[in-house]
Amino acid sequence: MNSAQKESKIEQIFNNKRPAPQNPAYNQTKYRNCIKVSKKQESNPLLKQSRFHYMLTEDLVEDYDINERTSVLFLSLEYHIAYPLYIRQRFEDLYRQRRHRNKVLILLNDNSDEHNMVD
């Protein structure tokens, strides 16, 4: 096989693009910096305003799996006021299963008590 035939075979390989699979997760996983997001976070306002690419999964302990070293939990301040022990339990579960990861808490201040606000 001469060099012209080798080049044409290489061109054929690169020019014959395969069609994308019909899996809806394919379009989300093709990005290099894709974040795994827990299915429980679908209605989270953070996702609606985000510019990052994410993939919803059901098997996560954390709310956001940034990479192999970072786990993120999300907490609304109103939810914390209603259920103060919730975040402690989430961190304990996360520590048991992802002991050697960095753990980050994102807190949304959605408390609408106007008497607590300072002018």
PDB file of N, CA and C in Angstrom:
ATOM      1  N   MET A   1       0.852  -1.172   0.000  1.00  0.00           N
ATOM      2  CA  MET A   1       0.000   0.000   0.000  1.00  0.00           C
ATOM      3  C   MET A   1       0.897   1.233   0.000  1.00  0.00           C
ATOM      4  N   ASN A   2       0.704   2.113  -0.955  1.00  0.00           N
ATOM      5  CA  ASN A   2       1.541   3.310  -1.033  1.00  0.00           C
ATOM      6  C   ASN A   2       0.980   4.416  -0.139  1.00  0.00           C
ATOM      7  N   SER A   3       1.723   5.506  -0.059  1.00  0.00           N
ATOM      8  CA  SER A   3       1.346   6.585   0.863  1.00  0.00           C
ATOM      9  C   SER A   3       0.046   7.277   0.455  1.00  0.00           C
ATOM     10  N   ALA A   4      -0.241   7.339  -0.856  1.00  0.00           N
ATOM     11  CA  ALA A   4      -1.486   7.969  -1.315  1.00  0.00           C
ATOM     12  C   ALA A   4      -2.699   7.149  -0.870  1.00  0.00           C
ATOM     13  N   GLN A   5      -2.575   5.824  -0.914  1.00  0.00           N
ATOM     14  CA  GLN A   5      -3.668   4.961  -0.480  1.00  0.00           C
ATOM     15  C   GLN A   5      -3.869   5.070   1.041  1.00  0.00           C
ATOM     16  N   LYS A   6      -2.748   5.171   1.786  1.00  0.00           N
ATOM     17  CA  LYS A   6      -2.849   5.325   3.238  1.00  0.00           C
ATOM     18  C   LYS A   6      -3.563   6.626   3.591  1.00  0.00           C
ATOM     19  N   GLU A   7      -3.199   7.712   2.887  1.00  0.00           N
ATOM     20  CA  GLU A   7      -3.839   8.997   3.143  1.00  0.00           C
ATOM     21  C   GLU A   7      -5.320   8.946   2.822  1.00  0.00           C
ATOM     22  N   SER A   8      -5.669   8.280   1.727  1.00  0.00           N
ATOM     23  CA  SER A   8      -7.087   8.219   1.376  1.00  0.00           C
ATOM     24  C   SER A   8      -7.868   7.399   2.403  1.00  0.00           C
ATOM     25  N   LYS A   9      -7.271   6.338   2.955  1.00  0.00           N
ATOM     26  CA  LYS A   9      -7.950   5.565   3.996  1.00  0.00           C
ATOM     27  C   LYS A   9      -8.121   6.411   5.256  1.00  0.00           C
ATOM     28  N   ILE A  10      -7.112   7.181   5.616  1.00  0.00           N
ATOM     29  CA  ILE A  10      -7.205   8.064   6.777  1.00  0.00           C
ATOM     30  C   ILE A  10      -8.285   9.115   6.547  1.00  0.00           C
ATOM     31  N   GLU A  11      -8.315   9.685   5.361  1.00  0.00           N
ATOM     32  CA  GLU A  11      -9.352  10.669   5.037  1.00  0.00           C
ATOM     33  C   GLU A  11     -10.741  10.036   5.100  1.00  0.00           C
ATOM     34  N   GLN A  12     -10.862   8.798   4.652  1.00  0.00           N
ATOM     35  CA  GLN A  12     -12.146   8.110   4.712  1.00  0.00           C
ATOM     36  C   GLN A  12     -12.590   7.921   6.164  1.00  0.00           C
ATOM     37  N   ILE A  13     -11.658   7.565   7.005  1.00  0.00           N
ATOM     38  CA  ILE A  13     -11.997   7.349   8.418  1.00  0.00           C
ATOM     39  C   ILE A  13     -12.492   8.646   9.043  1.00  0.00           C
ATOM     40  N   PHE A  14     -11.768   9.741   8.788  1.00  0.00           N
ATOM     41  CA  PHE A  14     -12.150  11.014   9.400  1.00  0.00           C
ATOM     42  C   PHE A  14     -13.354  11.662   8.739  1.00  0.00           C
ATOM     43  N   ASN A  15     -13.557  11.409   7.461  1.00  0.00           N
ATOM     44  CA  ASN A  15     -14.680  12.017   6.761  1.00  0.00           C
ATOM     45  C   ASN A  15     -15.988  11.263   6.972  1.00  0.00           C
ATOM     46  N   ASN A  16     -15.908   9.986   7.311  1.00  0.00           N
ATOM     47  CA  ASN A  16     -17.114   9.203   7.576  1.00  0.00           C
ATOM     48  C   ASN A  16     -17.519   9.397   9.028  1.00  0.00           C
ATOM     49  N   LYS A  17     -18.259  10.442   9.260  1.00  0.00           N
ATOM     50  CA  LYS A  17     -18.694  10.733  10.623  1.00  0.00           C
ATOM     51  C   LYS A  17     -19.892   9.854  10.958  1.00  0.00           C
ATOM     52  N   ARG A  18     -19.821   9.242  12.116  1.00  0.00           N
ATOM     53  CA  ARG A  18     -20.934   8.420  12.558  1.00  0.00           C
ATOM     54  C   ARG A  18     -22.062   9.319  13.049  1.00  0.00           C
ATOM     55  N   PRO A  19     -23.290   8.914  12.811  1.00  0.00           N
ATOM     56  CA  PRO A  19     -24.400   9.702  13.362  1.00  0.00           C
ATOM     57  C   PRO A  19     -24.418   9.581  14.888  1.00  0.00           C
ATOM     58  N   ALA A  20     -24.859  10.627  15.533  1.00  0.00           N
ATOM     59  CA  ALA A  20     -24.933  10.620  16.989  1.00  0.00           C
ATOM     60  C   ALA A  20     -25.968   9.603  17.442  1.00  0.00           C
ATOM     61  N   PRO A  21     -25.677   8.851  18.496  1.00  0.00           N
ATOM     62  CA  PRO A  21     -26.666   7.907  19.003  1.00  0.00           C
ATOM     63  C   PRO A  21     -27.917   8.639  19.474  1.00  0.00           C
ATOM     64  N   GLN A  22     -29.024   7.927  19.524  1.00  0.00           N
ATOM     65  CA  GLN A  22     -30.284   8.530  19.905  1.00  0.00           C
ATOM     66  C   GLN A  22     -30.455   8.623  21.419  1.00  0.00           C
ATOM     67  N   ASN A  23     -29.421   8.399  22.155  1.00  0.00           N
ATOM     68  CA  ASN A  23     -29.451   8.508  23.606  1.00  0.00           C
ATOM     69  C   ASN A  23     -29.427   9.990  23.984  1.00  0.00           C
ATOM     70  N   PRO A  24     -30.415  10.502  24.762  1.00  0.00           N
ATOM     71  CA  PRO A  24     -30.427  11.929  25.101  1.00  0.00           C
ATOM     72  C   PRO A  24     -29.240  12.342  25.963  1.00  0.00           C
ATOM     73  N   ALA A  25     -28.655  11.406  26.702  1.00  0.00           N
ATOM     74  CA  ALA A  25     -27.499  11.740  27.535  1.00  0.00           C
ATOM     75  C   ALA A  25     -26.241  11.944  26.691  1.00  0.00           C
ATOM     76  N   TYR A  26     -26.243  11.482  25.445  1.00  0.00           N
ATOM     77  CA  TYR A  26     -25.069  11.615  24.594  1.00  0.00           C
ATOM     78  C   TYR A  26     -24.671  13.066  24.422  1.00  0.00           C
ATOM     79  N   ASN A  27     -25.643  13.934  24.156  1.00  0.00           N
ATOM     80  CA  ASN A  27     -25.347  15.345  23.925  1.00  0.00           C
ATOM     81  C   ASN A  27     -24.785  16.009  25.170  1.00  0.00           C
ATOM     82  N   GLN A  28     -25.133  15.513  26.338  1.00  0.00           N
ATOM     83  CA  GLN A  28     -24.629  16.103  27.565  1.00  0.00           C
ATOM     84  C   GLN A  28     -23.244  15.565  27.917  1.00  0.00           C
ATOM     85  N   THR A  29     -22.961  14.314  27.578  1.00  0.00           N
ATOM     86  CA  THR A  29     -21.680  13.731  27.966  1.00  0.00           C
ATOM     87  C   THR A  29     -20.568  14.032  26.982  1.00  0.00           C
ATOM     88  N   LYS A  30     -20.868  14.611  25.831  1.00  0.00           N
ATOM     89  CA  LYS A  30     -19.811  14.880  24.861  1.00  0.00           C
ATOM     90  C   LYS A  30     -18.922  16.041  25.302  1.00  0.00           C
ATOM     91  N   TYR A  31     -19.390  16.823  26.270  1.00  0.00           N
ATOM     92  CA  TYR A  31     -18.595  17.943  26.742  1.00  0.00           C
ATOM     93  C   TYR A  31     -17.526  17.448  27.704  1.00  0.00           C
ATOM     94  N   ARG A  32     -16.399  18.042  27.618  1.00  0.00           N
ATOM     95  CA  ARG A  32     -15.274  17.606  28.435  1.00  0.00           C
ATOM     96  C   ARG A  32     -15.485  17.953  29.906  1.00  0.00           C
ATOM     97  N   ASN A  33     -16.034  19.099  30.186  1.00  0.00           N
ATOM     98  CA  ASN A  33     -16.233  19.555  31.553  1.00  0.00           C
ATOM     99  C   ASN A  33     -17.698  19.441  31.952  1.00  0.00           C
ATOM    100  N   CYS A  34     -18.204  18.251  31.950  1.00  0.00           N
ATOM    101  CA  CYS A  34     -19.608  18.008  32.269  1.00  0.00           C
ATOM    102  C   CYS A  34     -19.726  17.668  33.757  1.00  0.00           C
ATOM    103  N   ILE A  35     -20.666  18.310  34.436  1.00  0.00           N
ATOM    104  CA  ILE A  35     -20.876  18.099  35.861  1.00  0.00           C
ATOM    105  C   ILE A  35     -22.041  17.147  36.053  1.00  0.00           C
ATOM    106  N   LYS A  36     -21.878  16.201  36.957  1.00  0.00           N
ATOM    107  CA  LYS A  36     -22.973  15.293  37.278  1.00  0.00           C
ATOM    108  C   LYS A  36     -23.847  15.952  38.334  1.00  0.00           C
ATOM    109  N   VAL A  37     -25.152  15.951  38.084  1.00  0.00           N
ATOM    110  CA  VAL A  37     -26.102  16.605  38.982  1.00  0.00           C
ATOM    111  C   VAL A  37     -27.132  15.575  39.417  1.00  0.00           C
ATOM    112  N   SER A  38     -27.446  15.578  40.702  1.00  0.00           N
ATOM    113  CA  SER A  38     -28.456  14.676  41.232  1.00  0.00           C
ATOM    114  C   SER A  38     -29.824  15.009  40.639  1.00  0.00           C
ATOM    115  N   LYS A  39     -30.612  13.988  40.370  1.00  0.00           N
ATOM    116  CA  LYS A  39     -31.956  14.163  39.806  1.00  0.00           C
ATOM    117  C   LYS A  39     -32.833  15.014  40.731  1.00  0.00           C
ATOM    118  N   LYS A  40     -32.539  15.004  42.038  1.00  0.00           N
ATOM    119  CA  LYS A  40     -33.303  15.795  43.001  1.00  0.00           C
ATOM    120  C   LYS A  40     -33.139  17.297  42.768  1.00  0.00           C
ATOM    121  N   GLN A  41     -32.135  17.704  42.029  1.00  0.00           N
ATOM    122  CA  GLN A  41     -31.839  19.119  41.816  1.00  0.00           C
ATOM    123  C   GLN A  41     -32.444  19.678  40.526  1.00  0.00           C
ATOM    124  N   GLU A  42     -33.312  18.930  39.877  1.00  0.00           N
ATOM    125  CA  GLU A  42     -33.890  19.373  38.597  1.00  0.00           C
ATOM    126  C   GLU A  42     -34.563  20.738  38.680  1.00  0.00           C
ATOM    127  N   SER A  43     -35.258  21.016  39.772  1.00  0.00           N
ATOM    128  CA  SER A  43     -35.980  22.282  39.898  1.00  0.00           C
ATOM    129  C   SER A  43     -35.170  23.357  40.619  1.00  0.00           C
ATOM    130  N   ASN A  44     -33.910  23.116  40.815  1.00  0.00           N
ATOM    131  CA  ASN A  44     -33.032  24.049  41.519  1.00  0.00           C
ATOM    132  C   ASN A  44     -32.820  25.320  40.684  1.00  0.00           C
ATOM    133  N   PRO A  45     -32.983  26.503  41.294  1.00  0.00           N
ATOM    134  CA  PRO A  45     -32.768  27.745  40.538  1.00  0.00           C
ATOM    135  C   PRO A  45     -31.325  27.923  40.066  1.00  0.00           C
ATOM    136  N   LEU A  46     -30.386  27.265  40.727  1.00  0.00           N
ATOM    137  CA  LEU A  46     -28.990  27.339  40.303  1.00  0.00           C
ATOM    138  C   LEU A  46     -28.814  26.737  38.909  1.00  0.00           C
ATOM    139  N   LEU A  47     -29.487  25.648  38.626  1.00  0.00           N
ATOM    140  CA  LEU A  47     -29.381  25.024  37.307  1.00  0.00           C
ATOM    141  C   LEU A  47     -30.009  25.878  36.219  1.00  0.00           C
ATOM    142  N   LYS A  48     -31.091  26.563  36.550  1.00  0.00           N
ATOM    143  CA  LYS A  48     -31.759  27.399  35.552  1.00  0.00           C
ATOM    144  C   LYS A  48     -30.886  28.577  35.126  1.00  0.00           C
ATOM    145  N   GLN A  49     -30.025  29.056  36.021  1.00  0.00           N
ATOM    146  CA  GLN A  49     -29.163  30.202  35.736  1.00  0.00           C
ATOM    147  C   GLN A  49     -27.751  29.794  35.316  1.00  0.00           C
ATOM    148  N   SER A  50     -27.464  28.507  35.301  1.00  0.00           N
ATOM    149  CA  SER A  50     -26.095  28.050  35.067  1.00  0.00           C
ATOM    150  C   SER A  50     -25.705  28.120  33.599  1.00  0.00           C
ATOM    151  N   ARG A  51     -24.423  28.189  33.390  1.00  0.00           N
ATOM    152  CA  ARG A  51     -23.866  28.160  32.036  1.00  0.00           C
ATOM    153  C   ARG A  51     -23.025  26.917  31.820  1.00  0.00           C
ATOM    154  N   PHE A  52     -22.921  26.069  32.829  1.00  0.00           N
ATOM    155  CA  PHE A  52     -22.123  24.864  32.690  1.00  0.00           C
ATOM    156  C   PHE A  52     -22.974  23.728  32.128  1.00  0.00           C
ATOM    157  N   HIS A  53     -22.300  22.764  31.536  1.00  0.00           N
ATOM    158  CA  HIS A  53     -22.966  21.591  30.980  1.00  0.00           C
ATOM    159  C   HIS A  53     -23.090  20.560  32.087  1.00  0.00           C
ATOM    160  N   TYR A  54     -24.268  19.959  32.179  1.00  0.00           N
ATOM    161  CA  TYR A  54     -24.474  18.984  33.242  1.00  0.00           C
ATOM    162  C   TYR A  54     -25.263  17.795  32.733  1.00  0.00           C
ATOM    163  N   MET A  55     -25.173  16.715  33.515  1.00  0.00           N
ATOM    164  CA  MET A  55     -25.880  15.491  33.209  1.00  0.00           C
ATOM    165  C   MET A  55     -26.606  15.052  34.478  1.00  0.00           C
ATOM    166  N   LEU A  56     -27.912  14.860  34.400  1.00  0.00           N
ATOM    167  CA  LEU A  56     -28.692  14.436  35.553  1.00  0.00           C
ATOM    168  C   LEU A  56     -28.512  12.938  35.786  1.00  0.00           C
ATOM    169  N   THR A  57     -28.210  12.568  37.031  1.00  0.00           N
ATOM    170  CA  THR A  57     -28.068  11.161  37.394  1.00  0.00           C
ATOM    171  C   THR A  57     -28.803  10.907  38.702  1.00  0.00           C
ATOM    172  N   GLU A  58     -29.149   9.656  38.936  1.00  0.00           N
ATOM    173  CA  GLU A  58     -29.913   9.315  40.132  1.00  0.00           C
ATOM    174  C   GLU A  58     -29.070   8.701  41.238  1.00  0.00           C
ATOM    175  N   ASP A  59     -27.877   8.294  40.965  1.00  0.00           N
ATOM    176  CA  ASP A  59     -27.094   7.534  41.933  1.00  0.00           C
ATOM    177  C   ASP A  59     -26.039   8.368  42.671  1.00  0.00           C
ATOM    178  N   LEU A  60     -26.303   9.638  42.887  1.00  0.00           N
ATOM    179  CA  LEU A  60     -25.331  10.499  43.563  1.00  0.00           C
ATOM    180  C   LEU A  60     -25.695  10.696  45.025  1.00  0.00           C
ATOM    181  N   VAL A  61     -24.679  10.731  45.877  1.00  0.00           N
ATOM    182  CA  VAL A  61     -24.862  11.072  47.289  1.00  0.00           C
ATOM    183  C   VAL A  61     -24.923  12.588  47.419  1.00  0.00           C
ATOM    184  N   GLU A  62     -24.057  13.262  46.681  1.00  0.00           N
ATOM    185  CA  GLU A  62     -24.000  14.714  46.711  1.00  0.00           C
ATOM    186  C   GLU A  62     -24.991  15.299  45.717  1.00  0.00           C
ATOM    187  N   ASP A  63     -25.160  16.608  45.755  1.00  0.00           N
ATOM    188  CA  ASP A  63     -26.038  17.273  44.792  1.00  0.00           C
ATOM    189  C   ASP A  63     -25.330  17.510  43.465  1.00  0.00           C
ATOM    190  N   TYR A  64     -24.050  17.860  43.531  1.00  0.00           N
ATOM    191  CA  TYR A  64     -23.242  18.116  42.335  1.00  0.00           C
ATOM    192  C   TYR A  64     -21.911  17.391  42.480  1.00  0.00           C
ATOM    193  N   ASP A  65     -21.543  16.645  41.456  1.00  0.00           N
ATOM    194  CA  ASP A  65     -20.263  15.949  41.417  1.00  0.00           C
ATOM    195  C   ASP A  65     -19.406  16.677  40.388  1.00  0.00           C
ATOM    196  N   ILE A  66     -18.532  17.544  40.885  1.00  0.00           N
ATOM    197  CA  ILE A  66     -17.734  18.391  39.992  1.00  0.00           C
ATOM    198  C   ILE A  66     -16.656  17.589  39.273  1.00  0.00           C
ATOM    199  N   ASN A  67     -15.896  16.837  40.026  1.00  0.00           N
ATOM    200  CA  ASN A  67     -14.872  15.955  39.474  1.00  0.00           C
ATOM    201  C   ASN A  67     -14.596  14.858  40.492  1.00  0.00           C
ATOM    202  N   GLU A  68     -13.548  14.099  40.299  1.00  0.00           N
ATOM    203  CA  GLU A  68     -13.277  12.979  41.208  1.00  0.00           C
ATOM    204  C   GLU A  68     -12.807  13.430  42.591  1.00  0.00           C
ATOM    205  N   ARG A  69     -12.576  14.718  42.789  1.00  0.00           N
ATOM    206  CA  ARG A  69     -12.099  15.199  44.089  1.00  0.00           C
ATOM    207  C   ARG A  69     -13.021  16.204  44.765  1.00  0.00           C
ATOM    208  N   THR A  70     -14.115  16.613  44.131  1.00  0.00           N
ATOM    209  CA  THR A  70     -14.951  17.669  44.695  1.00  0.00           C
ATOM    210  C   THR A  70     -16.426  17.307  44.641  1.00  0.00           C
ATOM    211  N   SER A  71     -17.071  17.370  45.805  1.00  0.00           N
ATOM    212  CA  SER A  71     -18.509  17.155  45.918  1.00  0.00           C
ATOM    213  C   SER A  71     -19.151  18.428  46.461  1.00  0.00           C
ATOM    214  N   VAL A  72     -20.349  18.736  45.958  1.00  0.00           N
ATOM    215  CA  VAL A  72     -21.026  19.961  46.360  1.00  0.00           C
ATOM    216  C   VAL A  72     -22.428  19.620  46.859  1.00  0.00           C
ATOM    217  N   LEU A  73     -22.802  20.245  47.976  1.00  0.00           N
ATOM    218  CA  LEU A  73     -24.164  20.175  48.489  1.00  0.00           C
ATOM    219  C   LEU A  73     -24.792  21.549  48.345  1.00  0.00           C
ATOM    220  N   PHE A  74     -26.078  21.575  48.064  1.00  0.00           N
ATOM    221  CA  PHE A  74     -26.820  22.816  47.893  1.00  0.00           C
ATOM    222  C   PHE A  74     -27.853  22.908  49.007  1.00  0.00           C
ATOM    223  N   LEU A  75     -27.986  24.092  49.611  1.00  0.00           N
ATOM    224  CA  LEU A  75     -28.944  24.275  50.692  1.00  0.00           C
ATOM    225  C   LEU A  75     -29.597  25.640  50.592  1.00  0.00           C
ATOM    226  N   SER A  76     -30.912  25.654  50.689  1.00  0.00           N
ATOM    227  CA  SER A  76     -31.680  26.889  50.745  1.00  0.00           C
ATOM    228  C   SER A  76     -31.782  27.311  52.207  1.00  0.00           C
ATOM    229  N   LEU A  77     -31.630  28.581  52.476  1.00  0.00           N
ATOM    230  CA  LEU A  77     -31.697  29.062  53.857  1.00  0.00           C
ATOM    231  C   LEU A  77     -33.087  28.835  54.461  1.00  0.00           C
ATOM    232  N   GLU A  78     -34.130  29.018  53.673  1.00  0.00           N
ATOM    233  CA  GLU A  78     -35.481  28.756  54.176  1.00  0.00           C
ATOM    234  C   GLU A  78     -35.646  27.290  54.552  1.00  0.00           C
ATOM    235  N   TYR A  79     -35.090  26.391  53.750  1.00  0.00           N
ATOM    236  CA  TYR A  79     -35.174  24.965  54.060  1.00  0.00           C
ATOM    237  C   TYR A  79     -34.384  24.654  55.329  1.00  0.00           C
ATOM    238  N   HIS A  80     -33.245  25.307  55.481  1.00  0.00           N
ATOM    239  CA  HIS A  80     -32.426  25.089  56.677  1.00  0.00           C
ATOM    240  C   HIS A  80     -33.150  25.562  57.940  1.00  0.00           C
ATOM    241  N   ILE A  81     -33.872  26.667  57.841  1.00  0.00           N
ATOM    242  CA  ILE A  81     -34.632  27.162  59.000  1.00  0.00           C
ATOM    243  C   ILE A  81     -35.738  26.173  59.357  1.00  0.00           C
ATOM    244  N   ALA A  82     -36.383  25.594  58.363  1.00  0.00           N
ATOM    245  CA  ALA A  82     -37.449  24.629  58.607  1.00  0.00           C
ATOM    246  C   ALA A  82     -36.919  23.279  59.103  1.00  0.00           C
ATOM    247  N   TYR A  83     -35.769  22.846  58.571  1.00  0.00           N
ATOM    248  CA  TYR A  83     -35.185  21.542  58.921  1.00  0.00           C
ATOM    249  C   TYR A  83     -33.700  21.725  59.255  1.00  0.00           C
ATOM    250  N   PRO A  84     -33.377  22.182  60.461  1.00  0.00           N
ATOM    251  CA  PRO A  84     -31.982  22.509  60.781  1.00  0.00           C
ATOM    252  C   PRO A  84     -31.022  21.318  60.827  1.00  0.00           C
ATOM    253  N   LEU A  85     -31.503  20.110  61.033  1.00  0.00           N
ATOM    254  CA  LEU A  85     -30.609  18.942  61.105  1.00  0.00           C
ATOM    255  C   LEU A  85     -30.365  18.295  59.739  1.00  0.00           C
ATOM    256  N   TYR A  86     -31.062  18.750  58.722  1.00  0.00           N
ATOM    257  CA  TYR A  86     -30.955  18.166  57.387  1.00  0.00           C
ATOM    258  C   TYR A  86     -29.520  18.213  56.854  1.00  0.00           C
ATOM    259  N   ILE A  87     -28.896  19.368  56.918  1.00  0.00           N
ATOM    260  CA  ILE A  87     -27.563  19.510  56.317  1.00  0.00           C
ATOM    261  C   ILE A  87     -26.525  18.697  57.072  1.00  0.00           C
ATOM    262  N   ARG A  88     -26.695  18.576  58.354  1.00  0.00           N
ATOM    263  CA  ARG A  88     -25.768  17.747  59.138  1.00  0.00           C
ATOM    264  C   ARG A  88     -25.832  16.295  58.679  1.00  0.00           C
ATOM    265  N   GLN A  89     -27.049  15.790  58.483  1.00  0.00           N
ATOM    266  CA  GLN A  89     -27.206  14.412  58.009  1.00  0.00           C
ATOM    267  C   GLN A  89     -26.620  14.234  56.614  1.00  0.00           C
ATOM    268  N   ARG A  90     -26.826  15.212  55.743  1.00  0.00           N
ATOM    269  CA  ARG A  90     -26.265  15.124  54.386  1.00  0.00           C
ATOM    270  C   ARG A  90     -24.746  15.087  54.398  1.00  0.00           C
ATOM    271  N   PHE A  91     -24.125  15.920  55.254  1.00  0.00           N
ATOM    272  CA  PHE A  91     -22.663  15.912  55.345  1.00  0.00           C
ATOM    273  C   PHE A  91     -22.148  14.605  55.929  1.00  0.00           C
ATOM    274  N   GLU A  92     -22.854  14.045  56.896  1.00  0.00           N
ATOM    275  CA  GLU A  92     -22.430  12.761  57.465  1.00  0.00           C
ATOM    276  C   GLU A  92     -22.495  11.654  56.416  1.00  0.00           C
ATOM    277  N   ASP A  93     -23.575  11.617  55.634  1.00  0.00           N
ATOM    278  CA  ASP A  93     -23.685  10.623  54.559  1.00  0.00           C
ATOM    279  C   ASP A  93     -22.592  10.812  53.515  1.00  0.00           C
ATOM    280  N   LEU A  94     -22.345  12.049  53.165  1.00  0.00           N
ATOM    281  CA  LEU A  94     -21.309  12.358  52.182  1.00  0.00           C
ATOM    282  C   LEU A  94     -19.930  11.968  52.703  1.00  0.00           C
ATOM    283  N   TYR A  95     -19.678  12.233  53.967  1.00  0.00           N
ATOM    284  CA  TYR A  95     -18.373  11.889  54.541  1.00  0.00           C
ATOM    285  C   TYR A  95     -18.172  10.376  54.557  1.00  0.00           C
ATOM    286  N   ARG A  96     -19.224   9.625  54.871  1.00  0.00           N
ATOM    287  CA  ARG A  96     -19.105   8.168  54.895  1.00  0.00           C
ATOM    288  C   ARG A  96     -18.769   7.602  53.521  1.00  0.00           C
ATOM    289  N   GLN A  97     -19.358   8.134  52.493  1.00  0.00           N
ATOM    290  CA  GLN A  97     -19.184   7.560  51.163  1.00  0.00           C
ATOM    291  C   GLN A  97     -18.099   8.228  50.331  1.00  0.00           C
ATOM    292  N   ARG A  98     -17.785   9.459  50.616  1.00  0.00           N
ATOM    293  CA  ARG A  98     -16.780  10.192  49.833  1.00  0.00           C
ATOM    294  C   ARG A  98     -15.780  10.854  50.771  1.00  0.00           C
ATOM    295  N   ARG A  99     -15.181  10.058  51.599  1.00  0.00           N
ATOM    296  CA  ARG A  99     -14.323  10.549  52.678  1.00  0.00           C
ATOM    297  C   ARG A  99     -13.179  11.433  52.200  1.00  0.00           C
ATOM    298  N   HIS A 100     -12.538  11.077  51.117  1.00  0.00           N
ATOM    299  CA  HIS A 100     -11.315  11.783  50.695  1.00  0.00           C
ATOM    300  C   HIS A 100     -11.573  12.884  49.678  1.00  0.00           C
ATOM    301  N   ARG A 101     -12.793  13.337  49.589  1.00  0.00           N
ATOM    302  CA  ARG A 101     -13.120  14.408  48.652  1.00  0.00           C
ATOM    303  C   ARG A 101     -13.217  15.749  49.370  1.00  0.00           C
ATOM    304  N   ASN A 102     -13.026  16.806  48.604  1.00  0.00           N
ATOM    305  CA  ASN A 102     -13.337  18.141  49.107  1.00  0.00           C
ATOM    306  C   ASN A 102     -14.844  18.297  49.101  1.00  0.00           C
ATOM    307  N   LYS A 103     -15.371  18.892  50.148  1.00  0.00           N
ATOM    308  CA  LYS A 103     -16.812  19.060  50.266  1.00  0.00           C
ATOM    309  C   LYS A 103     -17.140  20.543  50.324  1.00  0.00           C
ATOM    310  N   VAL A 104     -18.069  20.972  49.467  1.00  0.00           N
ATOM    311  CA  VAL A 104     -18.421  22.383  49.352  1.00  0.00           C
ATOM    312  C   VAL A 104     -19.919  22.514  49.607  1.00  0.00           C
ATOM    313  N   LEU A 105     -20.297  23.584  50.311  1.00  0.00           N
ATOM    314  CA  LEU A 105     -21.708  23.879  50.547  1.00  0.00           C
ATOM    315  C   LEU A 105     -22.057  25.176  49.843  1.00  0.00           C
ATOM    316  N   ILE A 106     -23.065  25.126  48.984  1.00  0.00           N
ATOM    317  CA  ILE A 106     -23.598  26.335  48.355  1.00  0.00           C
ATOM    318  C   ILE A 106     -24.881  26.672  49.099  1.00  0.00           C
ATOM    319  N   LEU A 107     -24.945  27.876  49.641  1.00  0.00           N
ATOM    320  CA  LEU A 107     -26.100  28.301  50.429  1.00  0.00           C
ATOM    321  C   LEU A 107     -26.836  29.404  49.685  1.00  0.00           C
ATOM    322  N   LEU A 108     -28.117  29.187  49.437  1.00  0.00           N
ATOM    323  CA  LEU A 108     -28.961  30.182  48.779  1.00  0.00           C
ATOM    324  C   LEU A 108     -29.692  30.963  49.858  1.00  0.00           C
ATOM    325  N   ASN A 109     -29.456  32.268  49.925  1.00  0.00           N
ATOM    326  CA  ASN A 109     -30.115  33.119  50.910  1.00  0.00           C
ATOM    327  C   ASN A 109     -31.445  33.581  50.316  1.00  0.00           C
ATOM    328  N   ASP A 110     -32.475  32.803  50.568  1.00  0.00           N
ATOM    329  CA  ASP A 110     -33.801  33.127  50.062  1.00  0.00           C
ATOM    330  C   ASP A 110     -34.764  33.464  51.199  1.00  0.00           C
ATOM    331  N   ASN A 111     -34.220  33.848  52.327  1.00  0.00           N
ATOM    332  CA  ASN A 111     -35.021  34.232  53.480  1.00  0.00           C
ATOM    333  C   ASN A 111     -35.578  35.623  53.215  1.00  0.00           C
ATOM    334  N   SER A 112     -36.901  35.754  53.214  1.00  0.00           N
ATOM    335  CA  SER A 112     -37.524  37.018  52.823  1.00  0.00           C
ATOM    336  C   SER A 112     -37.972  37.857  54.015  1.00  0.00           C
ATOM    337  N   ASP A 113     -37.430  37.621  55.183  1.00  0.00           N
ATOM    338  CA  ASP A 113     -37.770  38.446  56.348  1.00  0.00           C
ATOM    339  C   ASP A 113     -37.144  39.822  56.191  1.00  0.00           C
ATOM    340  N   GLU A 114     -37.980  40.808  55.920  1.00  0.00           N
ATOM    341  CA  GLU A 114     -37.465  42.150  55.671  1.00  0.00           C
ATOM    342  C   GLU A 114     -36.957  42.822  56.946  1.00  0.00           C
ATOM    343  N   HIS A 115     -37.426  42.384  58.108  1.00  0.00           N
ATOM    344  CA  HIS A 115     -36.952  43.011  59.342  1.00  0.00           C
ATOM    345  C   HIS A 115     -35.518  42.611  59.672  1.00  0.00           C
ATOM    346  N   ASN A 116     -34.997  41.579  59.018  1.00  0.00           N
ATOM    347  CA  ASN A 116     -33.602  41.185  59.221  1.00  0.00           C
ATOM    348  C   ASN A 116     -32.655  41.929  58.306  1.00  0.00           C
ATOM    349  N   MET A 117     -33.194  42.619  57.327  1.00  0.00           N
ATOM    350  CA  MET A 117     -32.350  43.320  56.358  1.00  0.00           C
ATOM    351  C   MET A 117     -31.886  44.658  56.912  1.00  0.00           C
ATOM    352  N   VAL A 118     -30.658  45.001  56.626  1.00  0.00           N
ATOM    353  CA  VAL A 118     -30.079  46.259  57.074  1.00  0.00           C
ATOM    354  C   VAL A 118     -29.996  47.202  55.894  1.00  0.00           C
ATOM    355  N   ASP A 119     -30.433  48.431  56.079  1.00  0.00           N
ATOM    356  CA  ASP A 119     -30.371  49.419  54.979  1.00  0.00           C
ATOM    357  C   ASP A 119     -29.020  50.057  54.904  1.00  0.00           C
TER     358      ASP A 119
END
